[in-house]
């Protein structure tokens, strides 16, 4: 492809002052350097001889090589190779995104650790507190309490008092029926009592002279009930001055041995009832003491 040259080349983008300066410079330069008339450059400033034959200029077109491979060592080839060989894990990423992605497994593990049976620990604790509160409330109303007992009176349960004083071993026996009142106002549900064991002791000597056991019973809640407990009285001693025997004889035996019972002075007994409760629903046995002063021994 041939390019024609012109005598004067004006740059359309040059400034006005620069154009004037360039015009004067070109004229002077053409005078001094006339030898540049044969320059092959199309933009050379010279006076062209119209009679001189113009040599055409050819521009060689660049043809890409048939092979798609680039020359070894070229920068373009190196960049392409690096990009191809670079793994996704090695590609540059945003730091904040990398931090978030790296913390995701830890957050999942923390969430898994903070759960119990699929529930959060806070939810489990709250449900446990509610469950415990319900159990405590139910327990308060259902749990059996020991009823309060008091002795009202003592009756002779058939038979007479047996007193033996004419031998070296003195003894006395009788059968009593204890009339007691059970206050079950502390319980909200009926109380099932399997049995109540009773033992009677003398307050002066703390010696036991009577034992008995009640039958099974059910006490109504929030009220008082009458409880009858049979007791067998028996005491024997080899000593002539036994204090316990003297107390029992002065309270009960003197009425039997005297021909005129009402003329003799009858003493009273100060005793303590030791009660052992066997209540359904409670594995262990509970014990209570019921003191009683001024007991008159039943003789008939």
Protein backbone atom coordinates (compact mmCIF):
# COMPACT_ATOMS: atom_id res chain seq x y z
CA UNK A 1 0.00 0.00 0.00
CA UNK A 2 1.58 3.30 -1.10
CA UNK A 3 1.34 6.52 0.81
CA UNK A 4 1.67 9.88 -0.96
CA UNK A 5 3.68 12.56 0.70
CA UNK A 6 2.75 16.25 0.85
CA UNK A 7 4.94 19.25 0.91
CA UNK A 8 3.54 20.71 4.08
CA UNK A 9 2.12 18.75 6.99
CA UNK A 10 -0.12 20.60 9.39
CA UNK A 11 -1.10 19.09 12.72
CA UNK A 12 -4.80 19.83 13.17
CA UNK A 13 -4.54 19.41 16.95
CA UNK A 14 -1.67 21.81 17.47
CA UNK A 15 -2.22 25.18 19.08
CA UNK A 16 -2.19 28.43 17.08
CA UNK A 17 1.07 29.80 18.52
CA UNK A 18 2.71 26.46 17.99
CA UNK A 19 1.57 26.45 14.36
CA UNK A 20 3.15 29.87 13.73
CA UNK A 21 6.38 28.86 15.39
CA UNK A 22 6.42 25.62 13.51
CA UNK A 23 5.84 27.34 10.18
CA UNK A 24 8.81 29.63 10.67
CA UNK A 25 10.93 26.77 11.91
CA UNK A 26 10.06 24.57 8.97
CA UNK A 27 11.02 27.23 6.46
CA UNK A 28 14.38 27.77 8.11
CA UNK A 29 14.94 24.09 8.49
CA UNK A 30 14.27 23.42 4.84
CA UNK A 31 16.86 25.93 3.86
CA UNK A 32 19.55 24.53 6.10
CA UNK A 33 18.81 20.87 5.59
CA UNK A 34 18.13 20.48 1.94
CA UNK A 35 19.76 17.08 2.02
CA UNK A 36 16.63 15.70 3.68
CA UNK A 37 14.77 15.97 0.39
CA UNK A 38 15.49 12.34 -0.23
CA UNK A 39 14.19 11.24 3.12
CA UNK A 40 11.83 8.36 2.98
CA UNK A 41 9.71 9.61 5.83
CA UNK A 42 6.30 10.82 4.71
CA UNK A 43 6.26 13.55 7.26
CA UNK A 44 9.66 15.01 6.33
CA UNK A 45 9.53 18.72 5.54
CA UNK A 46 11.26 19.23 2.23
CA UNK A 47 10.62 20.56 -1.18
CA UNK A 48 9.66 17.72 -3.42
CA UNK A 49 10.93 17.63 -6.93
CA UNK A 50 7.96 17.01 -9.13
CA UNK A 51 10.14 15.41 -11.79
CA UNK A 52 11.65 12.94 -9.41
CA UNK A 53 10.18 9.48 -9.41
CA UNK A 54 8.46 8.61 -6.21
CA UNK A 55 9.27 5.28 -4.70
CA UNK A 56 6.24 3.55 -3.24
CA UNK A 57 6.26 2.56 0.40
CA UNK A 58 4.97 -0.80 1.46
CA UNK A 59 3.70 -1.72 4.89
CA UNK A 60 4.15 -5.33 5.76
CA UNK A 61 1.06 -6.90 7.21
CA UNK A 62 1.55 -8.98 10.36
CA UNK A 63 0.32 -12.51 10.05
CA UNK A 64 -0.26 -14.46 13.23
CA UNK A 65 1.53 -17.77 13.49
CA UNK A 66 -0.48 -20.86 12.64
CA UNK A 67 0.25 -22.40 15.99
CA UNK A 68 -1.80 -21.16 18.95
CA UNK A 69 1.10 -21.67 21.29
CA UNK A 70 3.02 -18.62 22.31
CA UNK A 71 6.70 -18.35 22.45
CA UNK A 72 8.34 -19.73 25.49
CA UNK A 73 9.31 -17.04 27.91
CA UNK A 74 6.81 -14.45 26.69
CA UNK A 75 4.98 -12.45 29.33
CA UNK A 76 1.57 -13.17 27.85
CA UNK A 77 2.29 -16.88 27.87
CA UNK A 78 3.45 -16.77 31.48
CA UNK A 79 0.34 -14.88 32.60
CA UNK A 80 -1.99 -17.26 30.84
CA UNK A 81 -0.18 -20.28 32.28
CA UNK A 82 -0.37 -18.86 35.79
CA UNK A 83 -4.09 -18.20 35.46
CA UNK A 84 -4.78 -21.68 34.13
CA UNK A 85 -2.71 -23.44 36.78
CA UNK A 86 -4.06 -21.34 39.61
CA UNK A 87 -6.51 -23.34 41.76
CA UNK A 88 -9.75 -21.80 43.06
CA UNK A 89 -8.42 -22.06 46.59
CA UNK A 90 -5.34 -20.03 45.52
CA UNK A 91 -7.27 -17.28 43.77
CA UNK A 92 -7.20 -13.96 45.58
CA UNK A 93 -10.35 -13.27 47.52
CA UNK A 94 -11.69 -10.54 49.73
CA UNK A 95 -10.20 -10.79 53.27
CA UNK A 96 -13.53 -10.18 55.02
CA UNK A 97 -15.21 -12.85 52.93
CA UNK A 98 -12.43 -15.31 53.72
CA UNK A 99 -12.75 -14.59 57.43
CA UNK A 100 -16.51 -15.14 57.35
CA UNK A 101 -16.16 -18.35 55.38
CA UNK A 102 -13.53 -19.67 57.78
CA UNK A 103 -15.67 -18.89 60.84
CA UNK A 104 -18.78 -20.64 59.49
CA UNK A 105 -17.73 -24.17 60.60
CA UNK A 106 -16.81 -22.85 64.05
CA UNK A 107 -20.18 -21.12 64.38
CA UNK A 108 -21.95 -24.33 63.36
CA UNK A 109 -19.96 -26.30 65.93
CA UNK A 110 -20.80 -23.77 68.62
CA UNK A 111 -24.48 -23.99 67.74
CA UNK A 112 -24.30 -27.77 67.88
CA UNK A 113 -22.53 -27.67 71.25
CA UNK A 114 -25.09 -25.25 72.68
CA UNK A 115 -27.97 -27.63 72.00
CA UNK A 116 -29.25 -30.60 73.96
CA UNK A 117 -31.67 -33.01 72.29
CA UNK A 118 -32.26 -30.42 69.60
CA UNK A 119 -33.03 -27.64 72.11
CA UNK A 120 -30.91 -24.78 73.32
CA UNK A 121 -29.51 -25.00 76.83
CA UNK A 122 -31.51 -21.95 77.86
CA UNK A 123 -34.73 -23.62 76.72
CA UNK A 124 -33.80 -26.87 78.46
CA UNK A 125 -33.02 -25.00 81.70
CA UNK A 126 -36.31 -23.07 81.54
CA UNK A 127 -38.33 -26.24 80.91
CA UNK A 128 -36.48 -28.00 83.73
CA UNK A 129 -37.32 -25.21 86.16
CA UNK A 130 -40.99 -25.36 85.19
CA UNK A 131 -40.98 -29.15 85.58
CA UNK A 132 -39.32 -28.93 89.00
CA UNK A 133 -41.79 -26.25 90.11
CA UNK A 134 -44.72 -28.47 89.08
CA UNK A 135 -43.24 -31.44 90.93
CA UNK A 136 -42.70 -29.33 94.06
CA UNK A 137 -46.30 -28.08 93.99
CA UNK A 138 -47.68 -31.60 93.52
CA UNK A 139 -45.36 -32.91 96.21
CA UNK A 140 -46.53 -30.23 98.62
CA UNK A 141 -50.15 -31.33 98.33
CA UNK A 142 -49.62 -35.09 97.99
CA UNK A 143 -46.74 -35.81 100.37
CA UNK A 144 -48.16 -37.33 103.60
CA UNK A 145 -47.47 -35.50 106.84
CA UNK A 146 -47.40 -37.00 110.31
CA UNK A 147 -50.72 -36.32 112.08
CA UNK A 148 -50.62 -34.79 115.53
CA UNK A 149 -51.87 -37.15 118.26
CA UNK A 150 -53.16 -36.47 121.75
CA UNK A 151 -54.42 -38.78 124.50
CA UNK A 152 -57.98 -38.10 125.65
CA UNK A 153 -58.75 -40.99 128.00
CA UNK A 154 -57.84 -44.56 128.97
CA UNK A 155 -60.39 -47.34 129.38
CA UNK A 156 -60.11 -50.83 130.79
CA UNK A 157 -60.28 -53.20 127.83
CA UNK A 158 -62.09 -56.10 129.53
CA UNK A 159 -60.69 -58.19 132.34
CA UNK A 160 -59.38 -57.14 135.71
CA UNK A 161 -56.05 -55.90 136.93
CA UNK A 162 -53.78 -58.72 138.05
CA UNK A 163 -51.44 -57.86 140.96
CA UNK A 164 -49.02 -60.37 142.50
CA UNK A 165 -47.23 -59.35 145.73
CA UNK A 166 -46.95 -62.55 147.83
CA UNK A 167 -43.90 -63.93 146.07
CA UNK A 168 -40.35 -62.81 145.63
CA UNK A 169 -41.23 -61.56 142.13
CA UNK A 170 -43.83 -58.84 142.14
CA UNK A 171 -45.87 -58.14 139.00
CA UNK A 172 -48.93 -56.34 137.67
CA UNK A 173 -50.85 -56.76 134.39
CA UNK A 174 -53.87 -55.12 132.75
CA UNK A 175 -55.44 -54.34 129.36
CA UNK A 176 -56.04 -50.73 128.38
CA UNK A 177 -57.70 -49.03 125.45
CA UNK A 178 -56.23 -45.65 124.55
CA UNK A 179 -58.71 -43.09 123.25
CA UNK A 180 -56.67 -40.70 121.10
CA UNK A 181 -57.43 -37.90 118.63
CA UNK A 182 -55.47 -37.61 115.39
CA UNK A 183 -55.30 -34.11 113.93
CA UNK A 184 -54.81 -34.51 110.18
CA UNK A 185 -55.43 -30.89 109.17
CA UNK A 186 -51.91 -30.57 107.72
CA UNK A 187 -52.65 -33.07 104.94
CA UNK A 188 -54.50 -32.25 101.71
CA UNK A 189 -55.14 -35.88 100.77
CA UNK A 190 -56.23 -38.88 102.88
CA UNK A 191 -53.44 -40.43 104.95
CA UNK A 192 -53.09 -44.21 104.80
CA UNK A 193 -51.58 -45.52 108.04
CA UNK A 194 -50.51 -49.15 108.13
CA UNK A 195 -50.04 -49.24 111.90
CA UNK A 196 -49.10 -47.16 114.94
CA UNK A 197 -46.87 -48.78 117.54
CA UNK A 198 -47.24 -47.51 121.11
CA UNK A 199 -45.05 -47.96 124.18
CA UNK A 200 -45.79 -46.42 127.60
CA UNK A 201 -43.07 -45.31 130.01
CA UNK A 202 -43.12 -43.96 133.56
CA UNK A 203 -41.87 -40.36 133.62
CA UNK A 204 -40.14 -40.87 137.01
CA UNK A 205 -38.09 -43.94 136.11
CA UNK A 206 -38.34 -43.98 132.26
CA UNK A 207 -39.20 -47.69 132.46
CA UNK A 208 -41.58 -49.20 129.91
CA UNK A 209 -44.63 -51.02 131.31
CA UNK A 210 -47.03 -51.18 128.33
CA UNK A 211 -46.99 -51.91 124.58
CA UNK A 212 -49.61 -51.96 121.84
CA UNK A 213 -50.23 -51.71 118.09
CA UNK A 214 -53.14 -50.23 116.19
CA UNK A 215 -54.78 -51.62 113.08
CA UNK A 216 -54.54 -50.01 109.64
CA UNK A 217 -56.62 -46.90 109.12
CA UNK A 218 -57.27 -44.02 106.71
CA UNK A 219 -57.39 -40.53 108.17
CA UNK A 220 -59.52 -37.95 106.39
CA UNK A 221 -57.64 -34.79 105.29
CA UNK A 222 -58.08 -31.37 106.89
CA UNK A 223 -59.91 -32.76 109.91
CA UNK A 224 -59.52 -34.67 113.21
CA UNK A 225 -60.36 -38.32 113.78
CA UNK A 226 -60.71 -40.63 116.80
CA UNK A 227 -58.11 -43.40 117.00
CA UNK A 228 -58.40 -46.39 119.38
CA UNK A 229 -55.22 -48.28 120.25
CA UNK A 230 -55.24 -51.39 122.48
CA UNK A 231 -52.35 -51.67 124.95
CA UNK A 232 -51.22 -54.55 127.17
CA UNK A 233 -49.90 -53.46 130.58
CA UNK A 234 -47.35 -55.69 132.27
CA UNK A 235 -44.51 -55.02 134.67
CA UNK A 236 -42.54 -57.37 136.96
CA UNK A 237 -39.63 -56.84 139.35
CA UNK A 238 -37.61 -58.86 141.87
CA UNK A 239 -36.83 -55.84 144.02
CA UNK A 240 -39.10 -55.01 146.93
CA UNK A 241 -38.40 -51.30 146.53
CA UNK A 242 -38.81 -50.99 142.75
CA UNK A 243 -39.98 -47.43 142.01
CA UNK A 244 -41.86 -48.29 138.83
CA UNK A 245 -43.81 -51.07 140.53
CA UNK A 246 -44.60 -48.77 143.44
CA UNK A 247 -46.00 -46.12 141.06
CA UNK A 248 -48.18 -48.67 139.29
CA UNK A 249 -49.34 -50.24 142.54
CA UNK A 250 -50.23 -46.90 144.12
CA UNK A 251 -52.18 -45.87 141.01
CA UNK A 252 -53.86 -49.17 140.12
CA UNK A 253 -53.05 -52.10 142.48
CA UNK A 254 -54.22 -50.49 145.70
CA UNK A 255 -57.81 -50.58 144.52
CA UNK A 256 -57.63 -54.34 144.09
CA UNK A 257 -55.86 -55.46 147.25
CA UNK A 258 -57.79 -53.27 149.70
CA UNK A 259 -61.07 -54.45 151.16
CA UNK A 260 -62.34 -50.88 151.09
CA UNK A 261 -60.87 -49.29 147.92
CA UNK A 262 -62.51 -45.93 148.32
CA UNK A 263 -60.93 -45.43 151.75
CA UNK A 264 -57.40 -45.65 150.28
CA UNK A 265 -55.76 -42.80 148.48
CA UNK A 266 -55.17 -43.47 144.75
CA UNK A 267 -52.22 -41.87 143.04
CA UNK A 268 -52.06 -40.72 139.41
CA UNK A 269 -49.54 -41.66 136.76
CA UNK A 270 -47.33 -39.33 134.74
CA UNK A 271 -46.57 -41.16 131.55
CA UNK A 272 -45.24 -40.62 128.03
CA UNK A 273 -46.57 -42.36 124.93
CA UNK A 274 -43.91 -43.21 122.35
CA UNK A 275 -45.60 -43.50 118.94
CA UNK A 276 -44.07 -45.04 115.82
CA UNK A 277 -45.97 -44.31 112.57
CA UNK A 278 -45.95 -46.68 109.60
CA UNK A 279 -47.45 -44.60 106.77
CA UNK A 280 -48.03 -45.80 103.21
CA UNK A 281 -45.78 -43.97 100.76
CA UNK A 282 -42.98 -43.39 103.29
CA UNK A 283 -40.28 -46.03 103.51
CA UNK A 284 -38.94 -45.04 106.89
CA UNK A 285 -40.87 -44.96 110.16
CA UNK A 286 -41.54 -41.71 111.99
CA UNK A 287 -41.61 -41.34 115.74
CA UNK A 288 -43.42 -38.92 118.02
CA UNK A 289 -43.81 -38.54 121.78
CA UNK A 290 -47.08 -37.68 123.53
CA UNK A 291 -46.68 -36.79 127.24
CA UNK A 292 -49.63 -37.09 129.62
CA UNK A 293 -49.78 -36.08 133.28
CA UNK A 294 -52.36 -37.04 135.92
CA UNK A 295 -53.54 -40.32 134.38
CA UNK A 296 -56.08 -42.11 136.54
CA UNK A 297 -55.68 -45.84 136.25
CA UNK A 298 -58.88 -47.54 135.02
CA UNK A 299 -59.97 -50.29 137.41
CA UNK A 300 -63.26 -51.46 135.93
